[in-house]
Amino acid sequence: MVAVIRKGRLLAVGHPDELRAHTGAPHVEVAGSGFNENALGLLRARPEVSAVEVQDKRLSIQLRQEMDVAPLVSLMVSAGVQVEEVRKGKAGLEEVFLTLMEEER
């Protein structure tokens, strides 16, 4: 069990997976090259995508909800992205903590 407390007030309590599912958005990490503006724009235009960020040779895609990522990978490939690896994950506990702190403000 994990509890998040701020200024003596209990904000959330539960197992890590429960907290991630409630407050943390799923995300996809893509390793590769050719993350051009066209591909990034197409991804940002998708309703299921909340944010896209490139760091070095990695693309981070924040999703609004759990989904099959195959359509996003196909979109990237058709836009000229060379996809080497795709990892789908949930928010980490640090992200959950930060989300809860922001909601509290």
PDB file of N, CA and C in Angstrom:
ATOM      1  N   MET A   1       0.837  -1.181   0.000  1.00  0.00           N
ATOM      2  CA  MET A   1       0.000   0.000   0.000  1.00  0.00           C
ATOM      3  C   MET A   1       0.882   1.246   0.000  1.00  0.00           C
ATOM      4  N   VAL A   2       0.406   2.253  -0.679  1.00  0.00           N
ATOM      5  CA  VAL A   2       1.096   3.534  -0.757  1.00  0.00           C
ATOM      6  C   VAL A   2       0.098   4.608  -0.350  1.00  0.00           C
ATOM      7  N   ALA A   3       0.560   5.552   0.446  1.00  0.00           N
ATOM      8  CA  ALA A   3      -0.269   6.689   0.831  1.00  0.00           C
ATOM      9  C   ALA A   3       0.444   7.968   0.412  1.00  0.00           C
ATOM     10  N   VAL A   4      -0.326   8.924  -0.066  1.00  0.00           N
ATOM     11  CA  VAL A   4       0.217  10.230  -0.433  1.00  0.00           C
ATOM     12  C   VAL A   4      -0.420  11.249   0.509  1.00  0.00           C
ATOM     13  N   ILE A   5       0.444  11.939   1.249  1.00  0.00           N
ATOM     14  CA  ILE A   5      -0.014  12.914   2.241  1.00  0.00           C
ATOM     15  C   ILE A   5       0.620  14.263   1.925  1.00  0.00           C
ATOM     16  N   ARG A   6      -0.189  15.302   2.015  1.00  0.00           N
ATOM     17  CA  ARG A   6       0.320  16.670   1.821  1.00  0.00           C
ATOM     18  C   ARG A   6      -0.222  17.549   2.931  1.00  0.00           C
ATOM     19  N   LYS A   7       0.701  18.180   3.651  1.00  0.00           N
ATOM     20  CA  LYS A   7       0.351  19.075   4.753  1.00  0.00           C
ATOM     21  C   LYS A   7      -0.611  18.404   5.729  1.00  0.00           C
ATOM     22  N   GLY A   8      -0.340  17.136   6.048  1.00  0.00           N
ATOM     23  CA  GLY A   8      -1.153  16.408   7.003  1.00  0.00           C
ATOM     24  C   GLY A   8      -2.476  15.890   6.473  1.00  0.00           C
ATOM     25  N   ARG A   9      -2.730  16.093   5.198  1.00  0.00           N
ATOM     26  CA  ARG A   9      -3.995  15.654   4.592  1.00  0.00           C
ATOM     27  C   ARG A   9      -3.740  14.465   3.677  1.00  0.00           C
ATOM     28  N   LEU A  10      -4.493  13.397   3.844  1.00  0.00           N
ATOM     29  CA  LEU A  10      -4.365  12.204   3.022  1.00  0.00           C
ATOM     30  C   LEU A  10      -5.008  12.458   1.662  1.00  0.00           C
ATOM     31  N   LEU A  11      -4.195  12.408   0.595  1.00  0.00           N
ATOM     32  CA  LEU A  11      -4.696  12.653  -0.757  1.00  0.00           C
ATOM     33  C   LEU A  11      -5.113  11.374  -1.462  1.00  0.00           C
ATOM     34  N   ALA A  12      -4.371  10.287  -1.225  1.00  0.00           N
ATOM     35  CA  ALA A  12      -4.681   9.021  -1.886  1.00  0.00           C
ATOM     36  C   ALA A  12      -4.020   7.886  -1.133  1.00  0.00           C
ATOM     37  N   VAL A  13      -4.642   6.721  -1.220  1.00  0.00           N
ATOM     38  CA  VAL A  13      -4.075   5.519  -0.634  1.00  0.00           C
ATOM     39  C   VAL A  13      -4.500   4.335  -1.489  1.00  0.00           C
ATOM     40  N   GLY A  14      -3.570   3.407  -1.688  1.00  0.00           N
ATOM     41  CA  GLY A  14      -3.883   2.228  -2.480  1.00  0.00           C
ATOM     42  C   GLY A  14      -2.624   1.530  -2.939  1.00  0.00           C
ATOM     43  N   HIS A  15      -2.806   0.448  -3.655  1.00  0.00           N
ATOM     44  CA  HIS A  15      -1.670  -0.255  -4.241  1.00  0.00           C
ATOM     45  C   HIS A  15      -1.124   0.587  -5.392  1.00  0.00           C
ATOM     46  N   PRO A  16       0.172   0.495  -5.687  1.00  0.00           N
ATOM     47  CA  PRO A  16       0.753   1.305  -6.758  1.00  0.00           C
ATOM     48  C   PRO A  16       0.000   1.210  -8.090  1.00  0.00           C
ATOM     49  N   ASP A  17      -0.411   0.015  -8.490  1.00  0.00           N
ATOM     50  CA  ASP A  17      -1.143  -0.120  -9.756  1.00  0.00           C
ATOM     51  C   ASP A  17      -2.484   0.600  -9.725  1.00  0.00           C
ATOM     52  N   GLU A  18      -3.153   0.590  -8.570  1.00  0.00           N
ATOM     53  CA  GLU A  18      -4.425   1.305  -8.446  1.00  0.00           C
ATOM     54  C   GLU A  18      -4.229   2.810  -8.592  1.00  0.00           C
ATOM     55  N   LEU A  19      -3.184   3.324  -7.940  1.00  0.00           N
ATOM     56  CA  LEU A  19      -2.912   4.757  -8.025  1.00  0.00           C
ATOM     57  C   LEU A  19      -2.515   5.163  -9.438  1.00  0.00           C
ATOM     58  N   ARG A  20      -1.714   4.317 -10.092  1.00  0.00           N
ATOM     59  CA  ARG A  20      -1.324   4.611 -11.478  1.00  0.00           C
ATOM     60  C   ARG A  20      -2.536   4.644 -12.391  1.00  0.00           C
ATOM     61  N   ALA A  21      -3.434   3.691 -12.222  1.00  0.00           N
ATOM     62  CA  ALA A  21      -4.622   3.621 -13.075  1.00  0.00           C
ATOM     63  C   ALA A  21      -5.545   4.813 -12.860  1.00  0.00           C
ATOM     64  N   HIS A  22      -5.585   5.316 -11.631  1.00  0.00           N
ATOM     65  CA  HIS A  22      -6.489   6.417 -11.318  1.00  0.00           C
ATOM     66  C   HIS A  22      -5.950   7.773 -11.744  1.00  0.00           C
ATOM     67  N   THR A  23      -4.666   8.001 -11.546  1.00  0.00           N
ATOM     68  CA  THR A  23      -4.135   9.336 -11.795  1.00  0.00           C
ATOM     69  C   THR A  23      -3.105   9.414 -12.910  1.00  0.00           C
ATOM     70  N   GLY A  24      -2.461   8.330 -13.220  1.00  0.00           N
ATOM     71  CA  GLY A  24      -1.398   8.379 -14.214  1.00  0.00           C
ATOM     72  C   GLY A  24      -1.878   7.982 -15.595  1.00  0.00           C
ATOM     73  N   ALA A  25      -1.532   8.752 -16.590  1.00  0.00           N
ATOM     74  CA  ALA A  25      -1.916   8.445 -17.960  1.00  0.00           C
ATOM     75  C   ALA A  25      -0.940   7.438 -18.566  1.00  0.00           C
ATOM     76  N   PRO A  26      -1.447   6.555 -19.412  1.00  0.00           N
ATOM     77  CA  PRO A  26      -0.535   5.630 -20.097  1.00  0.00           C
ATOM     78  C   PRO A  26       0.332   6.386 -21.093  1.00  0.00           C
ATOM     79  N   HIS A  27       1.469   5.800 -21.427  1.00  0.00           N
ATOM     80  CA  HIS A  27       2.364   6.441 -22.384  1.00  0.00           C
ATOM     81  C   HIS A  27       3.076   5.394 -23.223  1.00  0.00           C
ATOM     82  N   VAL A  28       3.639   5.865 -24.326  1.00  0.00           N
ATOM     83  CA  VAL A  28       4.383   5.013 -25.243  1.00  0.00           C
ATOM     84  C   VAL A  28       5.735   5.659 -25.478  1.00  0.00           C
ATOM     85  N   GLU A  29       6.795   4.875 -25.395  1.00  0.00           N
ATOM     86  CA  GLU A  29       8.149   5.334 -25.705  1.00  0.00           C
ATOM     87  C   GLU A  29       8.582   4.658 -27.002  1.00  0.00           C
ATOM     88  N   VAL A  30       9.029   5.448 -27.957  1.00  0.00           N
ATOM     89  CA  VAL A  30       9.453   4.929 -29.253  1.00  0.00           C
ATOM     90  C   VAL A  30      10.914   5.304 -29.477  1.00  0.00           C
ATOM     91  N   ALA A  31      11.744   4.294 -29.736  1.00  0.00           N
ATOM     92  CA  ALA A  31      13.141   4.531 -30.090  1.00  0.00           C
ATOM     93  C   ALA A  31      13.247   4.440 -31.601  1.00  0.00           C
ATOM     94  N   GLY A  32      14.016   5.345 -32.190  1.00  0.00           N
ATOM     95  CA  GLY A  32      14.172   5.328 -33.634  1.00  0.00           C
ATOM     96  C   GLY A  32      14.760   6.621 -34.135  1.00  0.00           C
ATOM     97  N   SER A  33      14.447   6.941 -35.379  1.00  0.00           N
ATOM     98  CA  SER A  33      14.949   8.176 -35.977  1.00  0.00           C
ATOM     99  C   SER A  33      13.938   8.687 -36.991  1.00  0.00           C
ATOM    100  N   GLY A  34      14.146   9.920 -37.420  1.00  0.00           N
ATOM    101  CA  GLY A  34      13.250  10.522 -38.409  1.00  0.00           C
ATOM    102  C   GLY A  34      11.990  11.105 -37.808  1.00  0.00           C
ATOM    103  N   PHE A  35      12.051  11.508 -36.557  1.00  0.00           N
ATOM    104  CA  PHE A  35      10.889  12.115 -35.906  1.00  0.00           C
ATOM    105  C   PHE A  35      10.719  13.530 -36.456  1.00  0.00           C
ATOM    106  N   ASN A  36      10.179  13.636 -37.663  1.00  0.00           N
ATOM    107  CA  ASN A  36      10.050  14.916 -38.342  1.00  0.00           C
ATOM    108  C   ASN A  36       8.790  15.654 -37.896  1.00  0.00           C
ATOM    109  N   GLU A  37       8.707  16.927 -38.256  1.00  0.00           N
ATOM    110  CA  GLU A  37       7.567  17.761 -37.853  1.00  0.00           C
ATOM    111  C   GLU A  37       6.246  17.228 -38.398  1.00  0.00           C
ATOM    112  N   ASN A  38       6.267  16.647 -39.594  1.00  0.00           N
ATOM    113  CA  ASN A  38       5.053  16.077 -40.167  1.00  0.00           C
ATOM    114  C   ASN A  38       4.534  14.943 -39.287  1.00  0.00           C
ATOM    115  N   ALA A  39       5.410  14.022 -38.906  1.00  0.00           N
ATOM    116  CA  ALA A  39       5.007  12.892 -38.060  1.00  0.00           C
ATOM    117  C   ALA A  39       4.520  13.371 -36.694  1.00  0.00           C
ATOM    118  N   LEU A  40       5.234  14.324 -36.105  1.00  0.00           N
ATOM    119  CA  LEU A  40       4.833  14.851 -34.802  1.00  0.00           C
ATOM    120  C   LEU A  40       3.478  15.543 -34.877  1.00  0.00           C
ATOM    121  N   GLY A  41       3.257  16.289 -35.946  1.00  0.00           N
ATOM    122  CA  GLY A  41       1.970  16.964 -36.138  1.00  0.00           C
ATOM    123  C   GLY A  41       0.824  15.986 -36.301  1.00  0.00           C
ATOM    124  N   LEU A  42       1.055  14.903 -37.046  1.00  0.00           N
ATOM    125  CA  LEU A  42       0.024  13.880 -37.225  1.00  0.00           C
ATOM    126  C   LEU A  42      -0.311  13.208 -35.896  1.00  0.00           C
ATOM    127  N   LEU A  43       0.699  12.944 -35.098  1.00  0.00           N
ATOM    128  CA  LEU A  43       0.458  12.332 -33.785  1.00  0.00           C
ATOM    129  C   LEU A  43      -0.308  13.281 -32.867  1.00  0.00           C
ATOM    130  N   ARG A  44       0.108  14.547 -32.844  1.00  0.00           N
ATOM    131  CA  ARG A  44      -0.556  15.531 -31.976  1.00  0.00           C
ATOM    132  C   ARG A  44      -2.015  15.749 -32.357  1.00  0.00           C
ATOM    133  N   ALA A  45      -2.345  15.511 -33.618  1.00  0.00           N
ATOM    134  CA  ALA A  45      -3.718  15.711 -34.095  1.00  0.00           C
ATOM    135  C   ALA A  45      -4.649  14.560 -33.692  1.00  0.00           C
ATOM    136  N   ARG A  46      -4.083  13.452 -33.257  1.00  0.00           N
ATOM    137  CA  ARG A  46      -4.906  12.301 -32.867  1.00  0.00           C
ATOM    138  C   ARG A  46      -5.624  12.591 -31.545  1.00  0.00           C
ATOM    139  N   PRO A  47      -6.918  12.307 -31.445  1.00  0.00           N
ATOM    140  CA  PRO A  47      -7.665  12.611 -30.219  1.00  0.00           C
ATOM    141  C   PRO A  47      -7.208  11.817 -28.996  1.00  0.00           C
ATOM    142  N   GLU A  48      -6.618  10.639 -29.200  1.00  0.00           N
ATOM    143  CA  GLU A  48      -6.182   9.821 -28.069  1.00  0.00           C
ATOM    144  C   GLU A  48      -4.814  10.221 -27.531  1.00  0.00           C
ATOM    145  N   VAL A  49      -4.142  11.145 -28.212  1.00  0.00           N
ATOM    146  CA  VAL A  49      -2.805  11.599 -27.812  1.00  0.00           C
ATOM    147  C   VAL A  49      -2.923  12.940 -27.093  1.00  0.00           C
ATOM    148  N   SER A  50      -2.345  13.017 -25.874  1.00  0.00           N
ATOM    149  CA  SER A  50      -2.406  14.282 -25.135  1.00  0.00           C
ATOM    150  C   SER A  50      -1.121  15.092 -25.254  1.00  0.00           C
ATOM    151  N   ALA A  51       0.025  14.425 -25.503  1.00  0.00           N
ATOM    152  CA  ALA A  51       1.291  15.149 -25.641  1.00  0.00           C
ATOM    153  C   ALA A  51       2.308  14.287 -26.375  1.00  0.00           C
ATOM    154  N   VAL A  52       3.207  14.970 -27.097  1.00  0.00           N
ATOM    155  CA  VAL A  52       4.283  14.305 -27.835  1.00  0.00           C
ATOM    156  C   VAL A  52       5.558  15.093 -27.582  1.00  0.00           C
ATOM    157  N   GLU A  53       6.641  14.390 -27.247  1.00  0.00           N
ATOM    158  CA  GLU A  53       7.911  15.059 -26.977  1.00  0.00           C
ATOM    159  C   GLU A  53       9.059  14.191 -27.483  1.00  0.00           C
ATOM    160  N   VAL A  54      10.029  14.841 -28.134  1.00  0.00           N
ATOM    161  CA  VAL A  54      11.213  14.139 -28.630  1.00  0.00           C
ATOM    162  C   VAL A  54      12.411  14.515 -27.764  1.00  0.00           C
ATOM    163  N   GLN A  55      13.160  13.490 -27.336  1.00  0.00           N
ATOM    164  CA  GLN A  55      14.401  13.695 -26.587  1.00  0.00           C
ATOM    165  C   GLN A  55      15.425  12.738 -27.161  1.00  0.00           C
ATOM    166  N   ASP A  56      16.454  13.293 -27.768  1.00  0.00           N
ATOM    167  CA  ASP A  56      17.488  12.502 -28.444  1.00  0.00           C
ATOM    168  C   ASP A  56      16.837  11.619 -29.512  1.00  0.00           C
ATOM    169  N   LYS A  57      17.005  10.326 -29.408  1.00  0.00           N
ATOM    170  CA  LYS A  57      16.424   9.410 -30.393  1.00  0.00           C
ATOM    171  C   LYS A  57      15.220   8.687 -29.816  1.00  0.00           C
ATOM    172  N   ARG A  58      14.534   9.336 -28.886  1.00  0.00           N
ATOM    173  CA  ARG A  58      13.352   8.749 -28.251  1.00  0.00           C
ATOM    174  C   ARG A  58      12.172   9.702 -28.370  1.00  0.00           C
ATOM    175  N   LEU A  59      11.039   9.117 -28.655  1.00  0.00           N
ATOM    176  CA  LEU A  59       9.795   9.860 -28.742  1.00  0.00           C
ATOM    177  C   LEU A  59       8.896   9.393 -27.611  1.00  0.00           C
ATOM    178  N   SER A  60       8.374  10.325 -26.835  1.00  0.00           N
ATOM    179  CA  SER A  60       7.462  10.016 -25.747  1.00  0.00           C
ATOM    180  C   SER A  60       6.070  10.495 -26.145  1.00  0.00           C
ATOM    181  N   ILE A  61       5.114   9.583 -26.104  1.00  0.00           N
ATOM    182  CA  ILE A  61       3.729   9.901 -26.453  1.00  0.00           C
ATOM    183  C   ILE A  61       2.869   9.660 -25.224  1.00  0.00           C
ATOM    184  N   GLN A  62       2.230  10.704 -24.722  1.00  0.00           N
ATOM    185  CA  GLN A  62       1.309  10.579 -23.593  1.00  0.00           C
ATOM    186  C   GLN A  62      -0.090  10.336 -24.158  1.00  0.00           C
ATOM    187  N   LEU A  63      -0.752   9.310 -23.648  1.00  0.00           N
ATOM    188  CA  LEU A  63      -2.086   8.946 -24.126  1.00  0.00           C
ATOM    189  C   LEU A  63      -3.149   9.385 -23.122  1.00  0.00           C
ATOM    190  N   ARG A  64      -4.340   9.620 -23.622  1.00  0.00           N
ATOM    191  CA  ARG A  64      -5.453   9.996 -22.753  1.00  0.00           C
ATOM    192  C   ARG A  64      -6.041   8.770 -22.045  1.00  0.00           C
ATOM    193  N   GLN A  65      -5.898   7.606 -22.667  1.00  0.00           N
ATOM    194  CA  GLN A  65      -6.422   6.369 -22.097  1.00  0.00           C
ATOM    195  C   GLN A  65      -5.675   5.186 -22.693  1.00  0.00           C
ATOM    196  N   GLU A  66      -5.850   4.012 -22.107  1.00  0.00           N
ATOM    197  CA  GLU A  66      -5.240   2.801 -22.647  1.00  0.00           C
ATOM    198  C   GLU A  66      -5.777   2.551 -24.052  1.00  0.00           C
ATOM    199  N   MET A  67      -4.903   2.117 -24.950  1.00  0.00           N
ATOM    200  CA  MET A  67      -5.321   1.844 -26.324  1.00  0.00           C
ATOM    201  C   MET A  67      -4.298   0.960 -27.007  1.00  0.00           C
ATOM    202  N   ASP A  68      -4.687   0.393 -28.132  1.00  0.00           N
ATOM    203  CA  ASP A  68      -3.776  -0.355 -28.985  1.00  0.00           C
ATOM    204  C   ASP A  68      -2.906   0.675 -29.702  1.00  0.00           C
ATOM    205  N   VAL A  69      -1.592   0.520 -29.638  1.00  0.00           N
ATOM    206  CA  VAL A  69      -0.700   1.522 -30.222  1.00  0.00           C
ATOM    207  C   VAL A  69      -0.320   1.226 -31.675  1.00  0.00           C
ATOM    208  N   ALA A  70      -0.775   0.100 -32.228  1.00  0.00           N
ATOM    209  CA  ALA A  70      -0.438  -0.242 -33.610  1.00  0.00           C
ATOM    210  C   ALA A  70      -0.814   0.864 -34.601  1.00  0.00           C
ATOM    211  N   PRO A  71      -1.990   1.503 -34.472  1.00  0.00           N
ATOM    212  CA  PRO A  71      -2.306   2.592 -35.412  1.00  0.00           C
ATOM    213  C   PRO A  71      -1.327   3.762 -35.332  1.00  0.00           C
ATOM    214  N   LEU A  72      -0.822   4.054 -34.138  1.00  0.00           N
ATOM    215  CA  LEU A  72       0.145   5.140 -33.994  1.00  0.00           C
ATOM    216  C   LEU A  72       1.477   4.768 -34.637  1.00  0.00           C
ATOM    217  N   VAL A  73       1.886   3.518 -34.475  1.00  0.00           N
ATOM    218  CA  VAL A  73       3.135   3.053 -35.088  1.00  0.00           C
ATOM    219  C   VAL A  73       3.002   3.097 -36.605  1.00  0.00           C
ATOM    220  N   SER A  74       1.878   2.640 -37.137  1.00  0.00           N
ATOM    221  CA  SER A  74       1.650   2.689 -38.590  1.00  0.00           C
ATOM    222  C   SER A  74       1.690   4.116 -39.111  1.00  0.00           C
ATOM    223  N   LEU A  75       1.094   5.030 -38.357  1.00  0.00           N
ATOM    224  CA  LEU A  75       1.085   6.440 -38.737  1.00  0.00           C
ATOM    225  C   LEU A  75       2.508   6.982 -38.809  1.00  0.00           C
ATOM    226  N   MET A  76       3.326   6.646 -37.806  1.00  0.00           N
ATOM    227  CA  MET A  76       4.705   7.115 -37.787  1.00  0.00           C
ATOM    228  C   MET A  76       5.497   6.552 -38.966  1.00  0.00           C
ATOM    229  N   VAL A  77       5.357   5.268 -39.224  1.00  0.00           N
ATOM    230  CA  VAL A  77       6.087   4.626 -40.322  1.00  0.00           C
ATOM    231  C   VAL A  77       5.681   5.249 -41.655  1.00  0.00           C
ATOM    232  N   SER A  78       4.389   5.495 -41.847  1.00  0.00           N
ATOM    233  CA  SER A  78       3.933   6.097 -43.110  1.00  0.00           C
ATOM    234  C   SER A  78       4.429   7.529 -43.265  1.00  0.00           C
ATOM    235  N   ALA A  79       4.772   8.186 -42.142  1.00  0.00           N
ATOM    236  CA  ALA A  79       5.291   9.559 -42.188  1.00  0.00           C
ATOM    237  C   ALA A  79       6.816   9.590 -42.282  1.00  0.00           C
ATOM    238  N   GLY A  80       7.456   8.418 -42.411  1.00  0.00           N
ATOM    239  CA  GLY A  80       8.892   8.371 -42.610  1.00  0.00           C
ATOM    240  C   GLY A  80       9.733   8.107 -41.376  1.00  0.00           C
ATOM    241  N   VAL A  81       9.109   7.802 -40.256  1.00  0.00           N
ATOM    242  CA  VAL A  81       9.849   7.509 -39.028  1.00  0.00           C
ATOM    243  C   VAL A  81      10.405   6.090 -39.113  1.00  0.00           C
ATOM    244  N   GLN A  82      11.660   5.926 -38.715  1.00  0.00           N
ATOM    245  CA  GLN A  82      12.286   4.606 -38.622  1.00  0.00           C
ATOM    246  C   GLN A  82      12.117   4.115 -37.181  1.00  0.00           C
ATOM    247  N   VAL A  83      11.164   3.224 -36.960  1.00  0.00           N
ATOM    248  CA  VAL A  83      10.864   2.724 -35.616  1.00  0.00           C
ATOM    249  C   VAL A  83      11.744   1.523 -35.312  1.00  0.00           C
ATOM    250  N   GLU A  84      12.497   1.610 -34.216  1.00  0.00           N
ATOM    251  CA  GLU A  84      13.371   0.516 -33.797  1.00  0.00           C
ATOM    252  C   GLU A  84      12.785  -0.266 -32.625  1.00  0.00           C
ATOM    253  N   GLU A  85      12.102   0.440 -31.719  1.00  0.00           N
ATOM    254  CA  GLU A  85      11.559  -0.210 -30.530  1.00  0.00           C
ATOM    255  C   GLU A  85      10.373   0.593 -30.019  1.00  0.00           C
ATOM    256  N   VAL A  86       9.342  -0.113 -29.527  1.00  0.00           N
ATOM    257  CA  VAL A  86       8.164   0.530 -28.956  1.00  0.00           C
ATOM    258  C   VAL A  86       7.914  -0.081 -27.585  1.00  0.00           C
ATOM    259  N   ARG A  87       7.764   0.776 -26.589  1.00  0.00           N
ATOM    260  CA  ARG A  87       7.447   0.313 -25.234  1.00  0.00           C
ATOM    261  C   ARG A  87       6.219   1.049 -24.734  1.00  0.00           C
ATOM    262  N   LYS A  88       5.265   0.279 -24.301  1.00  0.00           N
ATOM    263  CA  LYS A  88       4.035   0.833 -23.761  1.00  0.00           C
ATOM    264  C   LYS A  88       4.087   0.711 -22.251  1.00  0.00           C
ATOM    265  N   GLY A  89       3.719   1.759 -21.545  1.00  0.00           N
ATOM    266  CA  GLY A  89       3.786   1.706 -20.091  1.00  0.00           C
ATOM    267  C   GLY A  89       2.754   2.589 -19.434  1.00  0.00           C
ATOM    268  N   LYS A  90       2.733   2.476 -18.139  1.00  0.00           N
ATOM    269  CA  LYS A  90       1.856   3.305 -17.329  1.00  0.00           C
ATOM    270  C   LYS A  90       2.707   4.344 -16.625  1.00  0.00           C
ATOM    271  N   ALA A  91       2.056   5.300 -16.065  1.00  0.00           N
ATOM    272  CA  ALA A  91       2.760   6.345 -15.333  1.00  0.00           C
ATOM    273  C   ALA A  91       3.513   5.745 -14.153  1.00  0.00           C
ATOM    274  N   GLY A  92       4.668   6.306 -13.865  1.00  0.00           N
ATOM    275  CA  GLY A  92       5.421   5.889 -12.700  1.00  0.00           C
ATOM    276  C   GLY A  92       4.851   6.524 -11.449  1.00  0.00           C
ATOM    277  N   LEU A  93       5.264   6.019 -10.304  1.00  0.00           N
ATOM    278  CA  LEU A  93       4.755   6.566  -9.050  1.00  0.00           C
ATOM    279  C   LEU A  93       5.119   8.042  -8.884  1.00  0.00           C
ATOM    280  N   GLU A  94       6.261   8.443  -9.415  1.00  0.00           N
ATOM    281  CA  GLU A  94       6.635   9.856  -9.345  1.00  0.00           C
ATOM    282  C   GLU A  94       5.618  10.718 -10.106  1.00  0.00           C
ATOM    283  N   GLU A  95       5.210  10.263 -11.285  1.00  0.00           N
ATOM    284  CA  GLU A  95       4.202  10.997 -12.062  1.00  0.00           C
ATOM    285  C   GLU A  95       2.872  11.047 -11.319  1.00  0.00           C
ATOM    286  N   VAL A  96       2.489   9.943 -10.685  1.00  0.00           N
ATOM    287  CA  VAL A  96       1.251   9.905  -9.900  1.00  0.00           C
ATOM    288  C   VAL A  96       1.328  10.918  -8.769  1.00  0.00           C
ATOM    289  N   PHE A  97       2.457  10.936  -8.062  1.00  0.00           N
ATOM    290  CA  PHE A  97       2.654  11.874  -6.968  1.00  0.00           C
ATOM    291  C   PHE A  97       2.525  13.317  -7.450  1.00  0.00           C
ATOM    292  N   LEU A  98       3.217  13.644  -8.551  1.00  0.00           N
ATOM    293  CA  LEU A  98       3.164  15.015  -9.076  1.00  0.00           C
ATOM    294  C   LEU A  98       1.754  15.391  -9.516  1.00  0.00           C
ATOM    295  N   THR A  99       1.037  14.465 -10.115  1.00  0.00           N
ATOM    296  CA  THR A  99      -0.346  14.715 -10.534  1.00  0.00           C
ATOM    297  C   THR A  99      -1.221  15.012  -9.319  1.00  0.00           C
ATOM    298  N   LEU A 100      -1.078  14.221  -8.281  1.00  0.00           N
ATOM    299  CA  LEU A 100      -1.867  14.450  -7.061  1.00  0.00           C
ATOM    300  C   LEU A 100      -1.533  15.795  -6.422  1.00  0.00           C
ATOM    301  N   MET A 101      -0.256  16.187  -6.440  1.00  0.00           N
ATOM    302  CA  MET A 101       0.142  17.466  -5.865  1.00  0.00           C
ATOM    303  C   MET A 101      -0.443  18.633  -6.678  1.00  0.00           C
ATOM    304  N   GLU A 102      -0.452  18.488  -8.000  1.00  0.00           N
ATOM    305  CA  GLU A 102      -1.021  19.540  -8.862  1.00  0.00           C
ATOM    306  C   GLU A 102      -2.525  19.657  -8.639  1.00  0.00           C
ATOM    307  N   GLU A 103      -3.214  18.523  -8.529  1.00  0.00           N
ATOM    308  CA  GLU A 103      -4.659  18.547  -8.315  1.00  0.00           C
ATOM    309  C   GLU A 103      -5.012  19.208  -6.994  1.00  0.00           C
ATOM    310  N   GLU A 104      -4.154  19.059  -6.004  1.00  0.00           N
ATOM    311  CA  GLU A 104      -4.404  19.599  -4.674  1.00  0.00           C
ATOM    312  C   GLU A 104      -4.341  21.126  -4.671  1.00  0.00           C
ATOM    313  N   ARG A 105      -3.543  21.706  -5.563  1.00  0.00           N
ATOM    314  CA  ARG A 105      -3.392  23.185  -5.596  1.00  0.00           C
ATOM    315  C   ARG A 105      -4.663  23.763  -6.049  1.00  0.00           C
TER     316      ARG A 105
END
